[in-house]
C-alpha atoms as a PDB file:
ATOM      1  CA  MET A   1      22.139   9.779  15.216  1.00  0.00           C
ATOM      2  CA  VAL A   2      18.529  10.892  15.537  1.00  0.00           C
ATOM      3  CA  LEU A   3      18.233  14.678  15.412  1.00  0.00           C
ATOM      4  CA  PRO A   4      15.368  16.723  16.869  1.00  0.00           C
ATOM      5  CA  ILE A   5      12.851  18.003  14.320  1.00  0.00           C
ATOM      6  CA  TYR A   6      12.016  21.702  14.346  1.00  0.00           C
ATOM      7  CA  THR A   7       8.312  22.471  14.600  1.00  0.00           C
ATOM      8  CA  PHE A   8       5.957  24.979  13.003  1.00  0.00           C
ATOM      9  CA  GLY A   9       6.698  28.504  14.175  1.00  0.00           C
ATOM     10  CA  HIS A  10      10.463  28.046  14.415  1.00  0.00           C
ATOM     11  CA  GLU A  11      12.300  30.589  12.258  1.00  0.00           C
ATOM     12  CA  LYS A  12      14.630  27.913  10.812  1.00  0.00           C
ATOM     13  CA  LEU A  13      11.703  26.496   8.829  1.00  0.00           C
ATOM     14  CA  ARG A  14      11.260  29.815   6.999  1.00  0.00           C
ATOM     15  CA  GLU A  15      14.912  30.386   6.065  1.00  0.00           C
ATOM     16  CA  GLU A  16      16.124  29.724   2.534  1.00  0.00           C
ATOM     17  CA  THR A  17      18.928  27.174   2.368  1.00  0.00           C
ATOM     18  CA  GLU A  18      22.359  27.643   0.799  1.00  0.00           C
ATOM     19  CA  PRO A  19      23.785  25.428  -1.962  1.00  0.00           C
ATOM     20  CA  VAL A  20      26.199  22.718  -0.844  1.00  0.00           C
ATOM     21  CA  GLU A  21      29.615  23.575  -2.259  1.00  0.00           C
ATOM     22  CA  GLU A  22      31.468  20.293  -1.775  1.00  0.00           C
ATOM     23  CA  ASN A  23      31.172  16.744  -0.624  1.00  0.00           C
ATOM     24  CA  SER A  24      32.654  16.171   2.830  1.00  0.00           C
ATOM     25  CA  GLU A  25      32.618  13.828   5.808  1.00  0.00           C
ATOM     26  CA  GLU A  26      30.416  16.354   7.598  1.00  0.00           C
ATOM     27  CA  LEU A  27      27.909  16.308   4.733  1.00  0.00           C
ATOM     28  CA  GLN A  28      27.857  12.501   4.630  1.00  0.00           C
ATOM     29  CA  SER A  29      27.370  12.407   8.398  1.00  0.00           C
ATOM     30  CA  LEU A  30      24.479  14.883   8.119  1.00  0.00           C
ATOM     31  CA  ILE A  31      22.879  12.710   5.416  1.00  0.00           C
ATOM     32  CA  ASP A  32      23.192   9.634   7.651  1.00  0.00           C
ATOM     33  CA  ASP A  33      21.682  11.526  10.584  1.00  0.00           C
ATOM     34  CA  MET A  34      18.810  12.846   8.450  1.00  0.00           C
ATOM     35  CA  VAL A  35      18.000   9.359   7.168  1.00  0.00           C
ATOM     36  CA  ASP A  36      18.128   7.977  10.732  1.00  0.00           C
ATOM     37  CA  THR A  37      15.873  10.813  11.905  1.00  0.00           C
ATOM     38  CA  MET A  38      13.385  10.274   9.077  1.00  0.00           C
ATOM     39  CA  TYR A  39      13.135   6.572   9.920  1.00  0.00           C
ATOM     40  CA  ALA A  40      12.882   7.187  13.678  1.00  0.00           C
ATOM     41  CA  ALA A  41       9.981   9.581  13.057  1.00  0.00           C
ATOM     42  CA  ALA A  42       8.331   7.157  10.603  1.00  0.00           C
ATOM     43  CA  GLY A  43       8.505   9.794   7.889  1.00  0.00           C
ATOM     44  CA  ILE A  44       8.977   9.470   4.133  1.00  0.00           C
ATOM     45  CA  GLY A  45      10.929  12.684   3.656  1.00  0.00           C
ATOM     46  CA  LEU A  46      13.047  15.143   5.594  1.00  0.00           C
ATOM     47  CA  ALA A  47      14.702  18.412   4.564  1.00  0.00           C
ATOM     48  CA  ALA A  48      17.728  20.027   6.199  1.00  0.00           C
ATOM     49  CA  PRO A  49      15.779  22.995   7.668  1.00  0.00           C
ATOM     50  CA  GLN A  50      13.602  20.537   9.572  1.00  0.00           C
ATOM     51  CA  VAL A  51      16.657  19.585  11.626  1.00  0.00           C
ATOM     52  CA  GLY A  52      17.839  23.176  11.937  1.00  0.00           C
ATOM     53  CA  ARG A  53      20.376  23.045   9.110  1.00  0.00           C
ATOM     54  CA  GLY A  54      20.909  25.457   6.241  1.00  0.00           C
ATOM     55  CA  GLU A  55      22.225  23.118   3.543  1.00  0.00           C
ATOM     56  CA  ARG A  56      20.190  22.715   0.346  1.00  0.00           C
ATOM     57  CA  LEU A  57      19.532  19.030   0.952  1.00  0.00           C
ATOM     58  CA  PHE A  58      16.688  16.601   1.506  1.00  0.00           C
ATOM     59  CA  VAL A  59      16.229  12.848   1.809  1.00  0.00           C
ATOM     60  CA  ILE A  60      13.250  10.649   1.025  1.00  0.00           C
ATOM     61  CA  ASP A  61      12.263   7.011   1.314  1.00  0.00           C
ATOM     62  CA  VAL A  62       8.880   6.187  -0.197  1.00  0.00           C
ATOM     63  CA  THR A  63       9.121   2.441   0.497  1.00  0.00           C
ATOM     64  CA  PRO A  64       6.019   2.566   2.764  1.00  0.00           C
ATOM     65  CA  MET A  65       4.021   3.764  -0.259  1.00  0.00           C
ATOM     66  CA  ALA A  66       5.569   1.284  -2.729  1.00  0.00           C
ATOM     67  CA  ASP A  67       2.310  -0.474  -3.583  1.00  0.00           C
ATOM     68  CA  GLU A  68       0.515   2.785  -4.320  1.00  0.00           C
ATOM     69  CA  ILE A  69       3.400   4.037  -6.477  1.00  0.00           C
ATOM     70  CA  ARG A  70       3.509   0.780  -8.452  1.00  0.00           C
ATOM     71  CA  GLU A  71      -0.265   0.950  -8.958  1.00  0.00           C
ATOM     72  CA  GLU A  72       0.344   4.333 -10.593  1.00  0.00           C
ATOM     73  CA  GLY A  73       2.646   2.517 -13.012  1.00  0.00           C
ATOM     74  CA  GLN A  74       5.806   4.093 -11.704  1.00  0.00           C
ATOM     75  CA  GLU A  75       9.121   2.441 -10.981  1.00  0.00           C
ATOM     76  CA  ILE A  76      10.570   3.008  -7.522  1.00  0.00           C
ATOM     77  CA  PRO A  77      14.242   4.015  -7.551  1.00  0.00           C
ATOM     78  CA  PRO A  78      16.523   2.533  -4.874  1.00  0.00           C
ATOM     79  CA  GLN A  79      15.677   4.011  -1.490  1.00  0.00           C
ATOM     80  CA  PRO A  80      16.544   6.134   0.394  1.00  0.00           C
ATOM     81  CA  MET A  81      17.168   8.911  -2.123  1.00  0.00           C
ATOM     82  CA  VAL A  82      19.369  11.928  -1.420  1.00  0.00           C
ATOM     83  CA  PHE A  83      18.850  15.266  -3.205  1.00  0.00           C
ATOM     84  CA  ILE A  84      21.659  17.814  -2.925  1.00  0.00           C
ATOM     85  CA  ASN A  85      21.198  21.262  -4.530  1.00  0.00           C
ATOM     86  CA  PRO A  86      17.991  20.174  -6.291  1.00  0.00           C
ATOM     87  CA  GLU A  87      16.339  22.239  -9.013  1.00  0.00           C
ATOM     88  CA  ILE A  88      12.883  21.605 -10.396  1.00  0.00           C
ATOM     89  CA  VAL A  89      13.495  22.281 -14.083  1.00  0.00           C
ATOM     90  CA  ALA A  90      10.006  21.460 -15.414  1.00  0.00           C
ATOM     91  CA  GLU A  91       6.572  20.729 -14.048  1.00  0.00           C
ATOM     92  CA  SER A  92       3.374  19.523 -15.638  1.00  0.00           C
ATOM     93  CA  GLU A  93       0.398  21.770 -16.206  1.00  0.00           C
ATOM     94  CA  VAL A  94      -1.787  18.928 -14.969  1.00  0.00           C
ATOM     95  CA  THR A  95      -2.278  19.073 -11.204  1.00  0.00           C
ATOM     96  CA  CYS A  96      -3.592  16.660  -8.610  1.00  0.00           C
ATOM     97  CA  ASP A  97      -4.879  16.906  -5.053  1.00  0.00           C
ATOM     98  CA  TYR A  98      -3.553  14.773  -2.225  1.00  0.00           C
ATOM     99  CA  GLU A  99      -3.600  14.938   1.554  1.00  0.00           C
ATOM    100  CA  GLU A 100      -0.216  15.925   2.995  1.00  0.00           C
ATOM    101  CA  GLY A 101       1.302  16.006   6.436  1.00  0.00           C
ATOM    102  CA  CYS A 102       4.690  17.050   7.764  1.00  0.00           C
ATOM    103  CA  LEU A 103       6.967  15.905  10.580  1.00  0.00           C
ATOM    104  CA  SER A 104       7.375  19.594  11.539  1.00  0.00           C
ATOM    105  CA  ILE A 105       3.596  20.000  11.829  1.00  0.00           C
ATOM    106  CA  PRO A 106       2.483  16.915  13.786  1.00  0.00           C
ATOM    107  CA  ASP A 107      -1.141  15.785  13.512  1.00  0.00           C
ATOM    108  CA  VAL A 108      -2.108  18.324  10.837  1.00  0.00           C
ATOM    109  CA  ARG A 109      -3.080  16.906   7.452  1.00  0.00           C
ATOM    110  CA  GLU A 110      -4.622  18.868   4.600  1.00  0.00           C
ATOM    111  CA  THR A 111      -5.263  18.449   0.889  1.00  0.00           C
ATOM    112  CA  VAL A 112      -2.766  20.289  -1.311  1.00  0.00           C
ATOM    113  CA  THR A 113      -2.841  20.816  -5.078  1.00  0.00           C
ATOM    114  CA  ARG A 114       0.490  20.291  -6.834  1.00  0.00           C
ATOM    115  CA  PRO A 115       1.754  19.560 -10.350  1.00  0.00           C
ATOM    116  CA  GLU A 116       1.211  15.895 -11.244  1.00  0.00           C
ATOM    117  CA  ALA A 117       4.783  15.504 -12.574  1.00  0.00           C
ATOM    118  CA  VAL A 118       8.128  17.284 -12.290  1.00  0.00           C
ATOM    119  CA  ARG A 119      11.607  16.981 -13.711  1.00  0.00           C
ATOM    120  CA  ILE A 120      14.265  17.455 -11.035  1.00  0.00           C
ATOM    121  CA  ARG A 121      18.011  17.945 -11.424  1.00  0.00           C
ATOM    122  CA  TYR A 122      20.197  17.288  -8.378  1.00  0.00           C
ATOM    123  CA  LEU A 123      23.393  15.831  -7.014  1.00  0.00           C
ATOM    124  CA  ASP A 124      23.057  12.405  -5.455  1.00  0.00           C
ATOM    125  CA  ARG A 125      24.829  11.242  -2.322  1.00  0.00           C
ATOM    126  CA  ASP A 126      28.013  10.566  -4.325  1.00  0.00           C
ATOM    127  CA  PHE A 127      27.881  14.131  -5.684  1.00  0.00           C
ATOM    128  CA  GLU A 128      26.972  12.805  -9.153  1.00  0.00           C
ATOM    129  CA  GLN A 129      24.667  14.962 -11.285  1.00  0.00           C
ATOM    130  CA  ARG A 130      21.260  13.337 -11.860  1.00  0.00           C
ATOM    131  CA  GLU A 131      18.082  14.317 -13.605  1.00  0.00           C
ATOM    132  CA  ARG A 132      14.854  12.429 -13.117  1.00  0.00           C
ATOM    133  CA  GLU A 133      11.265  12.818 -14.234  1.00  0.00           C
ATOM    134  CA  VAL A 134       8.804  11.731 -11.576  1.00  0.00           C
ATOM    135  CA  SER A 135       5.052  11.764 -11.274  1.00  0.00           C
ATOM    136  CA  SER A 136       2.190  11.131  -8.885  1.00  0.00           C
ATOM    137  CA  PHE A 137       3.110  10.326  -5.291  1.00  0.00           C
ATOM    138  CA  LEU A 138       6.880  10.435  -5.780  1.00  0.00           C
ATOM    139  CA  ALA A 139       6.562  13.869  -7.429  1.00  0.00           C
ATOM    140  CA  ARG A 140       4.457  15.073  -4.506  1.00  0.00           C
ATOM    141  CA  VAL A 141       6.989  13.973  -1.877  1.00  0.00           C
ATOM    142  CA  ILE A 142       9.828  15.581  -3.817  1.00  0.00           C
ATOM    143  CA  GLN A 143       7.923  18.863  -4.215  1.00  0.00           C
ATOM    144  CA  HIS A 144       6.998  18.917  -0.521  1.00  0.00           C
ATOM    145  CA  GLU A 145      10.623  18.465   0.573  1.00  0.00           C
ATOM    146  CA  PHE A 146      11.918  20.836  -2.126  1.00  0.00           C
ATOM    147  CA  ASP A 147       9.620  23.567  -0.768  1.00  0.00           C
ATOM    148  CA  HIS A 148      11.236  23.241   2.669  1.00  0.00           C
ATOM    149  CA  LEU A 149      14.546  24.352   1.134  1.00  0.00           C
ATOM    150  CA  PHE A 150      12.962  27.725   0.368  1.00  0.00           C
ATOM    151  CA  GLY A 151      11.039  28.233   3.596  1.00  0.00           C
ATOM    152  CA  VAL A 152       7.697  27.038   2.195  1.00  0.00           C
ATOM    153  CA  LEU A 153       5.402  24.740   4.190  1.00  0.00           C
ATOM    154  CA  PHE A 154       2.479  22.750   2.841  1.00  0.00           C
ATOM    155  CA  THR A 155       0.093  24.880   4.910  1.00  0.00           C
ATOM    156  CA  ASP A 156       1.107  27.875   2.768  1.00  0.00           C
ATOM    157  CA  TYR A 157      -0.887  26.336  -0.098  1.00  0.00           C
ATOM    158  CA  LEU A 158      -4.146  26.242   1.814  1.00  0.00           C
ATOM    159  CA  GLY A 159      -6.981  28.586   0.955  1.00  0.00           C
ATOM    160  CA  SER A 160      -8.151  31.108   3.520  1.00  0.00           C
ATOM    161  CA  PHE A 161     -10.998  28.897   4.777  1.00  0.00           C
ATOM    162  CA  ARG A 162      -8.740  25.867   5.362  1.00  0.00           C
ATOM    163  CA  LYS A 163      -6.080  28.087   6.979  1.00  0.00           C
ATOM    164  CA  ARG A 164      -8.700  29.306   9.453  1.00  0.00           C
ATOM    165  CA  MET A 165      -9.660  25.682  10.164  1.00  0.00           C
ATOM    166  CA  VAL A 166      -6.085  24.711  11.132  1.00  0.00           C
ATOM    167  CA  ARG A 167      -5.084  28.009  12.765  1.00  0.00           C
ATOM    168  CA  ARG A 168      -5.707  26.742  16.315  1.00  0.00           C
ATOM    169  CA  SER A 169      -3.654  23.567  15.742  1.00  0.00           C
ATOM    170  CA  LEU A 170      -0.796  25.586  14.236  1.00  0.00           C
ATOM    171  CA  ARG A 171      -0.878  28.063  17.113  1.00  0.00           C
ATOM    172  CA  LYS A 172      -0.654  25.212  19.631  1.00  0.00           C
ATOM    173  CA  ILE A 173       2.348  23.768  17.808  1.00  0.00           C
ATOM    174  CA  ALA A 174       4.015  27.191  17.661  1.00  0.00           C
ATOM    175  CA  ASP A 175       3.326  27.632  21.396  1.00  0.00           C
ATOM    176  CA  GLY A 176       5.075  24.342  22.157  1.00  0.00           C
ATOM    177  CA  GLU A 177       1.884  22.422  22.951  1.00  0.00           C
ATOM    178  CA  VAL A 178       2.901  19.522  20.770  1.00  0.00           C
ATOM    179  CA  GLU A 179       3.644  15.864  21.213  1.00  0.00           C
ATOM    180  CA  ALA A 180       5.247  13.377  18.873  1.00  0.00           C
ATOM    181  CA  ASN A 181       7.051  10.062  19.183  1.00  0.00           C
ATOM    182  CA  TYR A 182      10.291  11.722  18.084  1.00  0.00           C
ATOM    183  CA  PRO A 183      12.381  14.566  19.550  1.00  0.00           C
ATOM    184  CA  LEU A 184      11.242  18.099  18.694  1.00  0.00           C
ATOM    185  CA  VAL A 185      12.514  21.665  18.931  1.00  0.00           C
ATOM    186  CA  THR A 186       9.707  24.181  19.426  1.00  0.00           C
ATOM    187  CA  ALA A 187       9.458  27.702  18.063  1.00  0.00           C
ATOM    188  CA  GLU A 188      11.083  28.936  21.268  1.00  0.00           C
ATOM    189  CA  GLY A 189      14.015  26.579  20.821  1.00  0.00           C
ATOM    190  CA  GLU A 190      12.945  24.217  23.603  1.00  0.00           C
ATOM    191  CA  ARG A 191      13.460  20.501  23.144  1.00  0.00           C
ATOM    192  CA  VAL A 192      10.483  18.276  23.858  1.00  0.00           C
END
């Protein structure tokens, strides 16, 4: 089932998530719905707060960027990937810049500096403990979605000049003046 995506300005996007305590039918259903929603919105990642949920969970599918990831010399794990209770346990000192966007902030894209590589520990969909070292684009997607679990948006990384440049767009989104080809919930809780 495709769920509506909460937009910039909605309080749910700023709330810290809670660890998932156990595997359940409800959790598996939520994962299915999040994957369906990500695909319907043509996204490559989606975190639980973006669909108004408080579980520490995100999903990704970087298949659309497969060629770029392979060019970076990185293997692509089976997709989609599910990250339950993730922890970033190490990150590189080397950083890289890349333009990011977000399904919760339609039509806003900005360059963000992030660590080039991270090591992440998480439970997979089967509730099996995993640890993976990732770099480049895959690391960026994981860090972006991980941030959502703690109420952090990519726009929080922008310098003051860039924040001023996108302020009007963000205000319009927060005011509900937003369109997307997927269902949305505005800051006021209205579905569009």
